[in-house]
Amino acid sequence: MEKSEVKLIRFDGKNYPAWAFQFQLYLEAKELWGFVSGSDPKLTEDDKKISTWNTKDAKIKTWILGAVEPHLILNLKPYTTSKEMWGYLQTVYHQDNSARQFQLECEIAEYSQGTLTIQDYYSGFRNLWSEYDGIKYASVPNHILKTIQELQASSHRDQFLMKLRPEYETVTSSLLSRSPLPSLDVCLNELLREEQRIRTKAHLEQKHTENYPVAYSAKGNTQSLQISQSSPTPQTRDMSKVQCYSCKKYGHLATQCNQKFCNYCKKKGHIITECRRRPQTRSPNAYAAQVDYFPADAASTSVPSQPGSSSPALTPELVQQMIVNAFSALGITGPDVREGDREGA
């Protein structure tokens, strides 16, 4: 087939009803269905017309071979005309027996949306019913079949709505309470819009419920500050601007200084926080706070935690003040002082 032609679905041995339906429409559009149905039989006279007929029939056979899976091609090799090929496929794969009908009834009864999207759920639902009707009403004339389908439309709509996920219960109740009741196509349109609304709402809620935890902890006479944020990531500190409070030089912390001096016992080799002669008079303290970010109308919360005490709620504005107070209690002052900048006064 030319590149501009409609792309046909491939027959894999299991999708015969859908494949045969599409392939028949394709041949009818090309005015070649008569070669397959038998209404345009092979000629026995007039060599010129026989040649034209053979050319058209060979084209149809090529289309059939191109529209089936490779493992089925050799099965069609013994047949010399497109009508014979079509007859073989119809005889083997067209299931009009009660077994297939019963199987479809079971699949329809068990079919529900589950994790499918509205569009995928609808497509699967229609495919099952289309194949079922094709088997059950195969011998019914078209004008009568149309009446039967109209009578079944309301039943199909109700089954489709009743097997949606619970999140669509509100819109389902609204559709079923209308007068007159809408068609299945109208219901599908409403459900697709509701699905988009639910997705948008979920995306916005996820975007505006990010957590920004902030925590400060201090224990005994060791001053340590632990601050963590999920976003943004703090930048690496420039150590060239950090002054050691032991040797008064820049570029390192007092805990890392190789010229440590204790301001309490006046001896070298350690700093005041490591001094064994200094009385341990300060009791361990711990502070923890977490700030959750929400939209402007949502409340932020802060929680201090101390051993053996309850945890009253703090406002976000007090979190910074709590950290400043903790610094002051540990003797750390100055707007630029950070963790480890000062190991004792």
Protein backbone atom coordinates (compact mmCIF):
# COMPACT_ATOMS: atom_id res chain seq x y z
CA MET A 1 0.00 0.00 0.00
CA GLU A 2 1.11 3.56 -0.66
CA LYS A 3 2.36 5.65 2.25
CA SER A 4 -0.72 7.84 1.99
CA GLU A 5 -3.03 4.89 2.58
CA VAL A 6 -4.82 4.29 5.87
CA LYS A 7 -2.77 2.16 8.25
CA LEU A 8 -4.62 -1.09 8.92
CA ILE A 9 -4.44 -2.90 12.23
CA ARG A 10 -2.56 -6.20 12.08
CA PHE A 11 -4.39 -9.47 12.59
CA ASP A 12 -2.68 -11.52 15.31
CA GLY A 13 -5.10 -14.43 15.56
CA LYS A 14 -7.10 -12.91 18.43
CA ASN A 15 -8.58 -9.70 17.07
CA TYR A 16 -10.45 -11.05 14.06
CA PRO A 17 -13.74 -9.10 14.54
CA ALA A 18 -12.02 -5.70 14.65
CA TRP A 19 -9.56 -6.59 11.89
CA ALA A 20 -12.22 -7.97 9.52
CA PHE A 21 -14.45 -4.94 10.11
CA GLN A 22 -11.71 -2.47 9.22
CA PHE A 23 -10.38 -4.46 6.28
CA GLN A 24 -13.86 -4.81 4.77
CA LEU A 25 -14.43 -1.05 4.97
CA TYR A 26 -11.06 -0.48 3.36
CA LEU A 27 -11.87 -2.73 0.40
CA GLU A 28 -15.33 -1.19 0.01
CA ALA A 29 -13.73 2.27 -0.17
CA LYS A 30 -11.48 0.93 -2.96
CA GLU A 31 -14.50 -0.65 -4.71
CA LEU A 32 -12.81 -4.05 -4.46
CA TRP A 33 -14.96 -5.82 -1.83
CA GLY A 34 -16.65 -7.83 -4.60
CA PHE A 35 -13.43 -9.79 -5.20
CA VAL A 36 -13.54 -11.09 -1.60
CA SER A 37 -17.30 -11.48 -1.17
CA GLY A 38 -17.66 -13.32 -4.50
CA SER A 39 -19.91 -10.77 -6.21
CA ASP A 40 -17.10 -10.06 -8.67
CA PRO A 41 -15.97 -13.60 -9.65
CA LYS A 42 -12.95 -14.50 -11.71
CA LEU A 43 -13.52 -14.20 -15.45
CA THR A 44 -13.02 -17.12 -17.85
CA GLU A 45 -13.08 -15.23 -21.16
CA ASP A 46 -11.48 -12.12 -22.63
CA ASP A 47 -7.79 -12.26 -21.89
CA LYS A 48 -7.52 -8.51 -21.36
CA LYS A 49 -10.22 -8.42 -18.66
CA ILE A 50 -8.80 -11.56 -17.01
CA SER A 51 -5.43 -9.85 -16.76
CA THR A 52 -6.99 -6.78 -15.13
CA TRP A 53 -8.95 -8.96 -12.71
CA ASN A 54 -5.82 -10.90 -11.73
CA THR A 55 -3.92 -7.66 -11.11
CA LYS A 56 -6.60 -6.32 -8.78
CA ASP A 57 -6.94 -9.63 -6.96
CA ALA A 58 -3.17 -9.83 -6.47
CA LYS A 59 -3.25 -6.35 -4.98
CA ILE A 60 -5.88 -7.46 -2.44
CA LYS A 61 -3.85 -10.55 -1.55
CA THR A 62 -0.83 -8.32 -0.96
CA TRP A 63 -2.89 -6.14 1.38
CA ILE A 64 -4.12 -9.18 3.30
CA LEU A 65 -0.58 -10.53 3.73
CA GLY A 66 0.59 -7.11 4.85
CA ALA A 67 -2.17 -6.89 7.45
CA VAL A 68 -1.47 -10.16 9.29
CA GLU A 69 1.33 -11.15 11.66
CA PRO A 70 4.33 -12.91 10.03
CA HIS A 71 3.61 -16.28 11.65
CA LEU A 72 0.23 -16.40 9.83
CA ILE A 73 1.51 -15.65 6.33
CA LEU A 74 2.55 -19.19 5.45
CA ASN A 75 -0.91 -20.44 6.43
CA LEU A 76 -2.30 -18.45 3.51
CA LYS A 77 0.21 -19.69 0.93
CA PRO A 78 -1.95 -22.55 -0.47
CA TYR A 79 -4.77 -20.17 -1.50
CA THR A 80 -4.61 -18.62 -4.97
CA THR A 81 -7.30 -15.89 -4.73
CA SER A 82 -8.18 -13.22 -2.20
CA LYS A 83 -11.60 -14.83 -1.76
CA GLU A 84 -10.00 -18.12 -0.72
CA MET A 85 -7.67 -16.34 1.71
CA TRP A 86 -10.57 -14.46 3.27
CA GLY A 87 -12.65 -17.61 3.49
CA TYR A 88 -9.85 -19.45 5.32
CA LEU A 89 -9.42 -16.68 7.91
CA GLN A 90 -13.16 -16.42 8.45
CA THR A 91 -13.58 -20.17 8.88
CA VAL A 92 -10.75 -20.52 11.38
CA TYR A 93 -10.96 -17.32 13.42
CA HIS A 94 -14.53 -16.09 13.23
CA GLN A 95 -16.06 -17.35 16.48
CA ASP A 96 -19.83 -17.33 16.39
CA ASN A 97 -20.26 -20.11 18.91
CA SER A 98 -21.84 -20.00 22.33
CA ALA A 99 -18.51 -20.54 24.11
CA ARG A 100 -17.10 -17.20 22.99
CA GLN A 101 -20.40 -15.49 23.74
CA PHE A 102 -20.37 -16.84 27.30
CA GLN A 103 -16.75 -15.74 27.75
CA LEU A 104 -17.64 -12.21 26.66
CA GLU A 105 -20.58 -12.12 29.07
CA CYS A 106 -18.22 -13.00 31.93
CA GLU A 107 -15.69 -10.35 30.86
CA ILE A 108 -18.41 -7.70 30.62
CA ALA A 109 -19.72 -8.58 34.09
CA GLU A 110 -16.23 -8.31 35.64
CA TYR A 111 -15.08 -5.26 33.70
CA SER A 112 -14.60 -2.04 35.70
CA GLN A 113 -12.45 1.10 35.54
CA GLY A 114 -9.88 0.11 38.14
CA THR A 115 -6.69 2.05 37.41
CA LEU A 116 -7.65 2.90 33.82
CA THR A 117 -8.23 6.42 32.55
CA ILE A 118 -11.74 7.37 31.49
CA GLN A 119 -10.84 7.09 27.79
CA ASP A 120 -9.16 3.69 28.14
CA TYR A 121 -12.03 2.38 30.26
CA TYR A 122 -14.57 3.57 27.69
CA SER A 123 -12.64 2.03 24.76
CA GLY A 124 -12.40 -1.35 26.47
CA PHE A 125 -16.08 -1.22 27.43
CA ARG A 126 -17.22 -0.50 23.87
CA ASN A 127 -14.94 -3.15 22.37
CA LEU A 128 -16.40 -5.87 24.58
CA TRP A 129 -19.98 -4.92 23.79
CA SER A 130 -19.26 -4.54 20.07
CA GLU A 131 -17.81 -8.03 19.81
CA TYR A 132 -20.61 -9.47 21.93
CA ASP A 133 -23.33 -7.88 19.76
CA GLY A 134 -21.53 -9.03 16.63
CA ILE A 135 -21.77 -12.65 17.77
CA LYS A 136 -25.23 -12.61 19.34
CA TYR A 137 -26.97 -10.66 16.57
CA ALA A 138 -24.95 -11.87 13.58
CA SER A 139 -28.04 -13.17 11.79
CA VAL A 140 -30.31 -10.22 12.65
CA PRO A 141 -31.14 -7.84 9.74
CA ASN A 142 -29.65 -4.38 9.97
CA HIS A 143 -32.94 -2.50 10.38
CA ILE A 144 -33.91 -4.72 13.31
CA LEU A 145 -30.41 -4.60 14.79
CA LYS A 146 -30.61 -0.82 14.96
CA THR A 147 -33.78 -1.03 17.05
CA ILE A 148 -32.16 -3.55 19.40
CA GLN A 149 -29.12 -1.32 19.87
CA GLU A 150 -31.32 1.67 20.72
CA LEU A 151 -33.11 -0.39 23.39
CA GLN A 152 -29.79 -1.51 24.88
CA ALA A 153 -28.24 1.98 24.94
CA SER A 154 -29.64 2.89 28.36
CA SER A 155 -28.43 -0.41 29.84
CA HIS A 156 -24.92 0.14 28.48
CA ARG A 157 -24.85 3.68 29.89
CA ASP A 158 -25.90 2.55 33.37
CA GLN A 159 -23.34 -0.29 33.43
CA PHE A 160 -20.61 2.09 32.33
CA LEU A 161 -21.41 4.64 35.06
CA MET A 162 -21.84 2.11 37.85
CA LYS A 163 -18.35 0.67 37.39
CA LEU A 164 -16.42 3.91 37.66
CA ARG A 165 -14.07 4.62 40.57
CA PRO A 166 -15.61 6.19 43.73
CA GLU A 167 -14.05 9.58 42.98
CA TYR A 168 -16.55 10.00 40.11
CA GLU A 169 -19.58 9.24 42.29
CA THR A 170 -20.67 12.89 42.48
CA VAL A 171 -20.73 13.47 38.73
CA THR A 172 -22.34 10.04 38.17
CA SER A 173 -25.20 10.89 40.54
CA SER A 174 -25.64 14.22 38.77
CA LEU A 175 -25.85 12.55 35.35
CA LEU A 176 -28.38 9.94 36.46
CA SER A 177 -30.60 12.55 38.11
CA ARG A 178 -31.11 14.53 34.90
CA SER A 179 -34.33 14.44 32.94
CA PRO A 180 -34.18 13.24 30.28
CA LEU A 181 -31.25 10.97 31.00
CA PRO A 182 -28.16 11.78 28.87
CA SER A 183 -26.68 9.38 26.33
CA LEU A 184 -23.46 7.47 26.91
CA ASP A 185 -21.58 9.89 24.67
CA VAL A 186 -22.74 12.88 26.72
CA CYS A 187 -21.75 11.08 29.93
CA LEU A 188 -18.30 10.41 28.49
CA ASN A 189 -17.83 14.10 27.73
CA GLU A 190 -18.76 15.08 31.31
CA LEU A 191 -16.49 12.43 32.80
CA LEU A 192 -13.50 13.50 30.70
CA ARG A 193 -13.87 17.05 32.01
CA GLU A 194 -14.22 15.81 35.59
CA GLU A 195 -11.08 13.69 35.17
CA GLN A 196 -9.14 16.73 34.02
CA ARG A 197 -10.44 18.76 36.98
CA ILE A 198 -9.35 16.06 39.45
CA ARG A 199 -5.88 15.87 37.90
CA THR A 200 -5.44 19.63 38.04
CA LYS A 201 -6.56 19.79 41.67
CA ALA A 202 -4.20 16.99 42.68
CA HIS A 203 -1.29 18.72 40.94
CA LEU A 204 -1.95 22.02 42.73
CA GLU A 205 -2.32 20.33 46.12
CA GLN A 206 0.97 18.51 45.66
CA LYS A 207 2.70 21.72 44.62
CA HIS A 208 1.51 23.69 47.66
CA THR A 209 2.10 21.10 50.38
CA GLU A 210 5.89 20.98 50.35
CA ASN A 211 7.51 20.70 53.79
CA TYR A 212 10.32 22.97 54.94
CA PRO A 213 11.63 21.44 58.21
CA VAL A 214 13.91 23.58 60.38
CA ALA A 215 15.55 22.11 63.47
CA TYR A 216 17.93 23.39 66.17
CA SER A 217 19.49 21.17 68.77
CA ALA A 218 21.88 21.95 71.64
CA LYS A 219 23.15 19.47 74.21
CA GLY A 220 25.15 20.20 77.36
CA ASN A 221 28.00 22.62 76.87
CA THR A 222 28.59 21.63 73.25
CA GLN A 223 27.12 24.19 70.91
CA SER A 224 25.80 22.71 67.71
CA LEU A 225 23.30 23.99 65.23
CA GLN A 226 21.54 21.66 62.83
CA ILE A 227 19.38 23.28 60.18
CA SER A 228 17.92 21.30 57.31
CA GLN A 229 15.65 22.40 54.52
CA SER A 230 14.25 20.33 51.71
CA SER A 231 14.48 23.31 49.39
CA PRO A 232 16.50 25.28 48.58
CA THR A 233 19.86 23.60 49.19
CA PRO A 234 22.23 25.85 51.19
CA GLN A 235 25.40 26.93 49.41
CA THR A 236 28.87 25.79 50.55
CA ARG A 237 30.33 28.11 53.21
CA ASP A 238 33.35 30.29 52.42
CA MET A 239 35.82 29.26 55.17
CA SER A 240 38.20 32.11 54.32
CA LYS A 241 35.82 34.45 56.17
CA VAL A 242 35.52 32.28 59.29
CA GLN A 243 37.62 33.34 62.32
CA CYS A 244 38.91 30.90 64.93
CA TYR A 245 38.12 32.15 68.45
CA SER A 246 41.08 30.28 69.91
CA CYS A 247 44.00 31.56 67.83
CA LYS A 248 42.10 34.48 66.23
CA LYS A 249 43.18 33.37 62.73
CA TYR A 250 40.91 32.87 59.70
CA GLY A 251 40.23 29.77 57.66
CA HIS A 252 39.24 27.18 60.27
CA LEU A 253 37.03 26.54 63.29
CA ALA A 254 38.16 26.45 66.92
CA THR A 255 37.42 22.72 67.13
CA GLN A 256 39.88 22.16 64.31
CA CYS A 257 42.56 24.54 65.59
CA ASN A 258 46.06 23.14 66.26
CA GLN A 259 46.74 25.96 68.74
CA LYS A 260 43.83 25.36 71.12
CA PHE A 261 43.79 27.36 74.39
CA CYS A 262 41.33 26.98 77.27
CA ASN A 263 40.02 30.23 78.68
CA TYR A 264 38.94 28.44 81.90
CA CYS A 265 42.08 26.58 83.09
CA LYS A 266 44.44 28.70 80.98
CA LYS A 267 46.12 25.65 79.47
CA LYS A 268 46.86 24.70 75.87
CA GLY A 269 45.68 21.62 73.99
CA HIS A 270 41.94 22.04 74.39
CA ILE A 271 39.19 24.65 74.39
CA ILE A 272 36.74 25.58 77.12
CA THR A 273 34.01 23.22 75.96
CA GLU A 274 36.46 20.31 76.26
CA CYS A 275 37.86 21.33 79.67
CA ARG A 276 37.55 18.59 82.30
CA ARG A 277 38.08 21.01 85.18
CA ARG A 278 35.16 23.18 84.25
CA PRO A 279 31.98 22.27 86.21
CA GLN A 280 29.23 20.84 84.06
CA THR A 281 26.41 23.04 85.29
CA ARG A 282 24.30 23.31 82.18
CA SER A 283 21.55 20.78 81.68
CA PRO A 284 20.95 19.28 78.26
CA ASN A 285 18.49 21.18 76.14
CA ALA A 286 16.93 20.26 72.85
CA TYR A 287 14.83 22.28 70.55
CA ALA A 288 13.10 21.13 67.40
CA ALA A 289 10.85 22.95 65.04
CA GLN A 290 9.21 22.12 61.73
CA VAL A 291 7.60 24.65 59.45
CA ASP A 292 5.19 23.31 56.81
CA TYR A 293 4.61 25.58 53.87
CA PHE A 294 1.02 25.95 52.69
CA PRO A 295 -0.88 28.49 50.64
CA ALA A 296 -1.50 31.93 52.14
CA ASP A 297 -4.73 30.85 53.84
CA ALA A 298 -3.17 27.80 55.44
CA ALA A 299 -1.54 27.78 58.88
CA SER A 300 2.13 27.09 59.49
CA THR A 301 3.09 25.23 62.62
CA SER A 302 6.14 25.10 64.85
CA VAL A 303 6.70 22.58 67.62
CA PRO A 304 9.31 22.82 70.39
CA SER A 305 10.29 19.59 72.07
CA GLN A 306 11.84 19.15 75.50
CA PRO A 307 12.32 15.92 77.43
CA GLY A 308 9.53 15.26 79.89
CA SER A 309 7.35 18.18 78.84
CA SER A 310 4.38 18.75 76.56
CA SER A 311 4.79 20.35 73.13
CA PRO A 312 2.79 23.61 72.92
CA ALA A 313 2.34 25.04 69.46
CA LEU A 314 4.41 28.01 68.31
CA THR A 315 3.80 30.38 65.48
CA PRO A 316 6.26 30.44 62.57
CA GLU A 317 7.36 33.93 63.64
CA LEU A 318 8.69 32.54 66.94
CA VAL A 319 10.93 29.95 65.30
CA GLN A 320 13.63 32.48 64.49
CA GLN A 321 13.35 34.02 67.96
CA MET A 322 13.72 30.57 69.53
CA ILE A 323 16.94 29.96 67.63
CA VAL A 324 18.29 33.40 68.62
CA ASN A 325 17.48 32.72 72.28
CA ALA A 326 19.23 29.36 72.08
CA PHE A 327 22.34 31.06 70.67
CA SER A 328 22.25 33.61 73.45
CA ALA A 329 21.92 30.91 76.12
CA LEU A 330 25.04 29.27 74.75
CA GLY A 331 27.01 32.49 74.62
CA ILE A 332 27.03 32.80 70.84
CA THR A 333 26.37 36.31 69.54
CA GLY A 334 26.80 38.26 66.35
CA PRO A 335 24.78 38.16 63.11
CA ASP A 336 27.43 36.25 61.18
CA VAL A 337 28.20 33.54 63.72
CA ARG A 338 27.43 30.04 62.51
CA GLU A 339 27.89 26.50 63.72
CA GLY A 340 31.34 25.94 65.20
CA ASP A 341 32.42 29.57 64.81
CA ARG A 342 32.79 29.93 68.55
CA GLU A 343 33.62 27.20 71.02
CA GLY A 344 33.46 29.31 74.17
CA ALA A 345 33.79 32.85 75.31
